[in-house]
Amino acid sequence: MRVSGVVACVLLSALSVAQAKPSQPSDDEIASRIIAESIASYSGACPCPYNQARNGSSCGRRSAYSRPGGFSPKCYRDDVTVEDIRQYKQRLRQP
């Protein structure tokens, strides 16, 4: 009976430690967050070609992404670089 109590305490301790440690998001999850933040930071209605304009039509070539020289949102996974992910992870580590 005493042994099972000790085992239960050990298991509960291990479980609480496992739950306390925050899991790190994958690179793809981070890339999705970076894309979402980039789109959210655009003040207009058409940051990316796949977004919809205010009138409901597809933004397509009218999007900021498709127009050179202005705001360049990250719209696709391929737009997010390894360096972007590294910097995001570094931001996560900061208090």
N, C-alpha and C. Protein backbone atom coordinates (compact mmCIF):
# COMPACT_ATOMS: atom_id res chain seq x y z
N MET A 1 0.81 -1.19 0.00
CA MET A 1 0.00 0.00 0.00
C MET A 1 0.86 1.26 0.00
N ARG A 2 1.93 1.23 0.76
CA ARG A 2 2.83 2.39 0.82
C ARG A 2 3.54 2.61 -0.51
N VAL A 3 3.93 1.54 -1.16
CA VAL A 3 4.64 1.64 -2.44
C VAL A 3 3.74 2.29 -3.49
N SER A 4 2.47 1.92 -3.53
CA SER A 4 1.58 2.51 -4.54
C SER A 4 1.38 4.00 -4.29
N GLY A 5 1.41 4.44 -3.05
CA GLY A 5 1.31 5.86 -2.73
C GLY A 5 2.52 6.62 -3.23
N VAL A 6 3.70 6.02 -3.04
CA VAL A 6 4.94 6.64 -3.51
C VAL A 6 4.93 6.72 -5.03
N VAL A 7 4.50 5.64 -5.67
CA VAL A 7 4.43 5.61 -7.13
C VAL A 7 3.46 6.68 -7.63
N ALA A 8 2.34 6.82 -6.97
CA ALA A 8 1.36 7.83 -7.37
C ALA A 8 1.95 9.23 -7.25
N CYS A 9 2.69 9.49 -6.15
CA CYS A 9 3.32 10.80 -5.97
C CYS A 9 4.35 11.08 -7.06
N VAL A 10 5.12 10.07 -7.40
CA VAL A 10 6.14 10.22 -8.45
C VAL A 10 5.48 10.50 -9.79
N LEU A 11 4.42 9.77 -10.09
CA LEU A 11 3.71 9.98 -11.36
C LEU A 11 3.08 11.37 -11.43
N LEU A 12 2.48 11.81 -10.35
CA LEU A 12 1.87 13.14 -10.34
C LEU A 12 2.93 14.23 -10.48
N SER A 13 4.08 14.04 -9.84
CA SER A 13 5.17 15.00 -9.98
C SER A 13 5.66 15.07 -11.41
N ALA A 14 5.83 13.91 -12.02
CA ALA A 14 6.30 13.86 -13.40
C ALA A 14 5.28 14.51 -14.34
N LEU A 15 4.02 14.27 -14.09
CA LEU A 15 2.97 14.85 -14.92
C LEU A 15 2.95 16.37 -14.79
N SER A 16 3.09 16.88 -13.58
CA SER A 16 3.06 18.33 -13.40
C SER A 16 4.27 18.99 -14.04
N VAL A 17 5.43 18.35 -14.01
CA VAL A 17 6.62 18.88 -14.66
C VAL A 17 6.42 18.88 -16.17
N ALA A 18 5.84 17.80 -16.70
CA ALA A 18 5.61 17.71 -18.14
C ALA A 18 4.63 18.78 -18.59
N GLN A 19 3.63 19.07 -17.78
CA GLN A 19 2.65 20.09 -18.15
C GLN A 19 3.22 21.49 -17.98
N ALA A 20 4.12 21.69 -17.06
CA ALA A 20 4.67 23.01 -16.79
C ALA A 20 5.61 23.47 -17.90
N LYS A 21 6.26 22.54 -18.56
CA LYS A 21 7.20 22.89 -19.61
C LYS A 21 6.42 23.24 -20.89
N PRO A 22 6.50 24.49 -21.33
CA PRO A 22 5.77 24.86 -22.54
C PRO A 22 6.38 24.20 -23.78
N SER A 23 5.53 23.71 -24.64
CA SER A 23 6.05 23.08 -25.85
C SER A 23 6.40 24.16 -26.86
N GLN A 24 7.43 23.93 -27.60
CA GLN A 24 7.88 24.86 -28.62
C GLN A 24 7.07 24.62 -29.90
N PRO A 25 6.58 25.68 -30.52
CA PRO A 25 5.86 25.50 -31.78
C PRO A 25 6.81 25.05 -32.88
N SER A 26 6.28 24.31 -33.83
CA SER A 26 7.09 23.85 -34.96
C SER A 26 7.41 25.04 -35.88
N ASP A 27 8.35 24.85 -36.77
CA ASP A 27 8.70 25.90 -37.72
C ASP A 27 7.51 26.28 -38.60
N ASP A 28 6.70 25.28 -38.97
CA ASP A 28 5.52 25.58 -39.79
C ASP A 28 4.49 26.39 -39.00
N GLU A 29 4.33 26.09 -37.71
CA GLU A 29 3.42 26.86 -36.87
C GLU A 29 3.92 28.30 -36.73
N ILE A 30 5.22 28.44 -36.55
CA ILE A 30 5.80 29.78 -36.45
C ILE A 30 5.62 30.53 -37.77
N ALA A 31 5.84 29.85 -38.88
CA ALA A 31 5.65 30.49 -40.19
C ALA A 31 4.20 30.97 -40.34
N SER A 32 3.25 30.17 -39.90
CA SER A 32 1.84 30.58 -39.97
C SER A 32 1.58 31.81 -39.12
N ARG A 33 2.20 31.87 -37.95
CA ARG A 33 2.05 33.03 -37.08
C ARG A 33 2.66 34.28 -37.71
N ILE A 34 3.83 34.10 -38.32
CA ILE A 34 4.50 35.23 -38.98
C ILE A 34 3.64 35.76 -40.12
N ILE A 35 3.07 34.86 -40.91
CA ILE A 35 2.19 35.26 -42.02
C ILE A 35 0.97 36.00 -41.47
N ALA A 36 0.35 35.47 -40.42
CA ALA A 36 -0.83 36.11 -39.84
C ALA A 36 -0.50 37.50 -39.31
N GLU A 37 0.65 37.64 -38.64
CA GLU A 37 1.07 38.95 -38.12
C GLU A 37 1.33 39.93 -39.26
N SER A 38 1.95 39.44 -40.33
CA SER A 38 2.26 40.29 -41.47
C SER A 38 0.98 40.80 -42.12
N ILE A 39 0.01 39.91 -42.30
CA ILE A 39 -1.27 40.30 -42.91
C ILE A 39 -2.01 41.27 -42.00
N ALA A 40 -1.99 41.00 -40.69
CA ALA A 40 -2.69 41.87 -39.73
C ALA A 40 -2.08 43.27 -39.68
N SER A 41 -0.80 43.38 -39.98
CA SER A 41 -0.14 44.69 -39.91
C SER A 41 -0.45 45.56 -41.14
N TYR A 42 -1.09 45.00 -42.14
CA TYR A 42 -1.43 45.77 -43.34
C TYR A 42 -2.76 46.49 -43.10
N SER A 43 -2.79 47.78 -43.36
CA SER A 43 -3.98 48.58 -43.05
C SER A 43 -5.08 48.47 -44.11
N GLY A 44 -4.75 48.03 -45.29
CA GLY A 44 -5.74 47.94 -46.36
C GLY A 44 -6.49 46.62 -46.37
N ALA A 45 -7.33 46.44 -47.37
CA ALA A 45 -8.15 45.24 -47.47
C ALA A 45 -7.50 44.14 -48.30
N CYS A 46 -6.44 44.44 -49.00
CA CYS A 46 -5.86 43.47 -49.93
C CYS A 46 -4.36 43.25 -49.71
N PRO A 47 -3.99 42.66 -48.59
CA PRO A 47 -2.56 42.40 -48.41
C PRO A 47 -2.06 41.29 -49.33
N CYS A 48 -2.87 40.25 -49.53
CA CYS A 48 -2.45 39.07 -50.31
C CYS A 48 -3.41 38.80 -51.46
N PRO A 49 -2.93 38.15 -52.51
CA PRO A 49 -3.79 37.87 -53.66
C PRO A 49 -5.03 37.04 -53.31
N TYR A 50 -4.93 36.20 -52.31
CA TYR A 50 -6.06 35.33 -51.97
C TYR A 50 -7.08 35.98 -51.04
N ASN A 51 -6.81 37.21 -50.58
CA ASN A 51 -7.77 37.92 -49.74
C ASN A 51 -8.90 38.48 -50.59
N GLN A 52 -9.96 38.91 -49.92
CA GLN A 52 -11.08 39.51 -50.62
C GLN A 52 -11.10 41.01 -50.40
N ALA A 53 -11.42 41.73 -51.47
CA ALA A 53 -11.57 43.18 -51.38
C ALA A 53 -12.87 43.49 -50.64
N ARG A 54 -13.08 44.73 -50.30
CA ARG A 54 -14.29 45.12 -49.56
C ARG A 54 -15.57 44.80 -50.32
N ASN A 55 -15.49 44.79 -51.65
CA ASN A 55 -16.67 44.50 -52.45
C ASN A 55 -16.90 42.99 -52.64
N GLY A 56 -16.03 42.17 -52.03
CA GLY A 56 -16.20 40.72 -52.10
C GLY A 56 -15.41 40.04 -53.20
N SER A 57 -14.83 40.80 -54.09
CA SER A 57 -14.05 40.20 -55.18
C SER A 57 -12.67 39.79 -54.66
N SER A 58 -12.02 38.92 -55.38
CA SER A 58 -10.68 38.47 -55.03
C SER A 58 -9.67 39.60 -55.29
N CYS A 59 -8.74 39.77 -54.39
CA CYS A 59 -7.75 40.85 -54.54
C CYS A 59 -6.83 40.62 -55.73
N GLY A 60 -6.37 39.39 -55.89
CA GLY A 60 -5.52 39.06 -57.03
C GLY A 60 -4.37 40.01 -57.23
N ARG A 61 -4.27 40.56 -58.45
CA ARG A 61 -3.16 41.45 -58.80
C ARG A 61 -3.25 42.82 -58.14
N ARG A 62 -4.38 43.12 -57.51
CA ARG A 62 -4.53 44.41 -56.82
C ARG A 62 -3.94 44.36 -55.42
N SER A 63 -3.50 43.20 -54.99
CA SER A 63 -2.97 43.06 -53.62
C SER A 63 -1.63 43.75 -53.46
N ALA A 64 -1.32 44.11 -52.22
CA ALA A 64 -0.01 44.71 -51.92
C ALA A 64 1.10 43.73 -52.28
N TYR A 65 0.86 42.45 -52.08
CA TYR A 65 1.86 41.42 -52.40
C TYR A 65 2.23 41.45 -53.88
N SER A 66 1.26 41.74 -54.73
CA SER A 66 1.47 41.70 -56.17
C SER A 66 2.02 43.00 -56.74
N ARG A 67 2.06 44.04 -55.92
CA ARG A 67 2.53 45.35 -56.40
C ARG A 67 3.93 45.63 -55.86
N PRO A 68 4.89 45.83 -56.74
CA PRO A 68 6.26 46.10 -56.29
C PRO A 68 6.39 47.50 -55.69
N GLY A 69 7.35 47.62 -54.79
CA GLY A 69 7.72 48.94 -54.29
C GLY A 69 7.01 49.41 -53.04
N GLY A 70 5.97 48.76 -52.63
CA GLY A 70 5.25 49.20 -51.44
C GLY A 70 5.37 48.20 -50.31
N PHE A 71 4.31 48.07 -49.55
CA PHE A 71 4.26 47.12 -48.46
C PHE A 71 4.38 45.71 -49.04
N SER A 72 5.23 44.90 -48.43
CA SER A 72 5.45 43.54 -48.92
C SER A 72 5.08 42.52 -47.84
N PRO A 73 3.80 42.20 -47.74
CA PRO A 73 3.40 41.24 -46.72
C PRO A 73 3.89 39.84 -47.04
N LYS A 74 4.03 39.04 -46.02
CA LYS A 74 4.36 37.63 -46.20
C LYS A 74 3.02 36.91 -46.30
N CYS A 75 2.76 36.33 -47.45
CA CYS A 75 1.47 35.70 -47.70
C CYS A 75 1.54 34.18 -47.78
N TYR A 76 2.70 33.65 -48.11
CA TYR A 76 2.86 32.22 -48.35
C TYR A 76 4.02 31.67 -47.52
N ARG A 77 3.99 30.39 -47.28
CA ARG A 77 5.03 29.73 -46.48
C ARG A 77 6.42 30.00 -47.06
N ASP A 78 6.53 30.01 -48.37
CA ASP A 78 7.83 30.24 -49.01
C ASP A 78 8.37 31.65 -48.78
N ASP A 79 7.51 32.58 -48.37
CA ASP A 79 7.94 33.94 -48.08
C ASP A 79 8.66 34.05 -46.74
N VAL A 80 8.44 33.08 -45.87
CA VAL A 80 9.02 33.10 -44.53
C VAL A 80 10.39 32.41 -44.59
N THR A 81 11.42 33.16 -44.24
CA THR A 81 12.78 32.63 -44.32
C THR A 81 13.18 31.94 -43.02
N VAL A 82 14.26 31.21 -43.09
CA VAL A 82 14.84 30.57 -41.91
C VAL A 82 15.20 31.65 -40.89
N GLU A 83 15.70 32.78 -41.36
CA GLU A 83 16.06 33.89 -40.48
C GLU A 83 14.82 34.46 -39.78
N ASP A 84 13.71 34.57 -40.51
CA ASP A 84 12.46 35.04 -39.89
C ASP A 84 12.07 34.12 -38.72
N ILE A 85 12.17 32.82 -38.95
CA ILE A 85 11.81 31.85 -37.92
C ILE A 85 12.77 31.94 -36.74
N ARG A 86 14.05 32.10 -37.02
CA ARG A 86 15.04 32.22 -35.95
C ARG A 86 14.75 33.45 -35.08
N GLN A 87 14.44 34.56 -35.72
CA GLN A 87 14.14 35.79 -34.98
C GLN A 87 12.86 35.64 -34.16
N TYR A 88 11.88 34.96 -34.70
CA TYR A 88 10.63 34.74 -33.97
C TYR A 88 10.89 33.88 -32.73
N LYS A 89 11.68 32.83 -32.89
CA LYS A 89 12.01 31.97 -31.75
C LYS A 89 12.74 32.76 -30.68
N GLN A 90 13.61 33.67 -31.10
CA GLN A 90 14.34 34.49 -30.16
C GLN A 90 13.38 35.40 -29.39
N ARG A 91 12.39 35.94 -30.09
CA ARG A 91 11.37 36.78 -29.41
C ARG A 91 10.60 35.97 -28.39
N LEU A 92 10.32 34.70 -28.69
CA LEU A 92 9.60 33.84 -27.75
C LEU A 92 10.38 33.61 -26.47
N ARG A 93 11.70 33.58 -26.57
CA ARG A 93 12.55 33.32 -25.41
C ARG A 93 12.67 34.51 -24.48
N GLN A 94 12.43 35.70 -25.01
CA GLN A 94 12.59 36.92 -24.20
C GLN A 94 11.43 37.04 -23.22
N PRO A 95 11.73 37.51 -21.99
CA PRO A 95 10.67 37.66 -20.97
C PRO A 95 9.69 38.75 -21.29
